[in-house]
């Protein structure tokens, strides 16, 4: 449209006729029309062309600025994506279950002896009839000897008991130990929890299985003369290579046991209860918040804007050069007519 306006203004058929008439007239009649035609019309044409050129230059600088912003966004997007790849976010999810896979509880009683072991439900533990005396052992137990995985010289004796399963009925396992004498000022029994008692039963090498469990899981203690209540929760962690590790978190509460036996003696009694804390299995995994498809879409949009801006800048420069050439051509034609 701008080029058509320039051509419409410049291509006036009356200019050449007036020039021919001015050559044949006298000097007094020639000077006035030439001065009017030479100063008013070309000056208006030049002012419009100059304004259009200034406007085009401003637009060009605006698009160059937008191109710089787009380049900065590309750099920032790639930097953020690389940073998110290096620092994944920890995601925690909870899965509700009605039955757990029965865990294994490995006790290291030393000289202590297991007196009784029972499964109870709904947090109801009946009072002991004959504390300190052998009772019913209704739990699935397994005794095993293996070498210490850290020293490879000391033999260890472990009593493995099947843990609770039914979380809706609040199934718990209640155990009673008896220690006749001790050489220490503080008497305690070590234990550790591992994820599946069934895996231990099905394992062909139970000694190696227990060595691996002792190397992987933490061990705890419960003291004599108290009733220790252990509430367990299960945490599964997914590693980057796809493997899954299991660990236990526990809340322990200790209640003093009042020994009402007629002859307490110097022996120690140990009471411990194992129960699931809640029906939720906690799963922890590292996730990368950076989505490569979002980044690719953003980069495509930015590069499209860059190409459009570059195309507009190229067309603007060509248009300015073309307008400049036309202006110089028309100016030379006007000067030739004046001469």
Foldseek 3Di string as FASTA:
>chain_A
DVVVVLCVLLPDVVPLVVLVVLVPDDPVVNVVVLVVVVPPSLVVSVVVLVVVLVVLVVVLVVLVVLLVVLVVVLVVLVVVQVVLVVPFDKDKDKDFDQWAAWKKKKKQQPQKDWQEKDKDFPPDDDDDDDPPHHDYHPWDKDWDWAAALVPRPDITIIIITTAGIGQVRFIKMKTKIKFADDPDPWDKMKMWIDRHPVCCVPDPCNRVVVNVRPVPADMDIFTWQKAKEKAKAKEWEQDPVGDIDIYIDIDIDIGGDDDPDPDPHDMTMYMYMYTYPHRIHMYMYTDRPDDVVVSVVSSVVSVVSSVVSVVSSVVSVVVSVVSVVVSVVSVVVSVVSVD
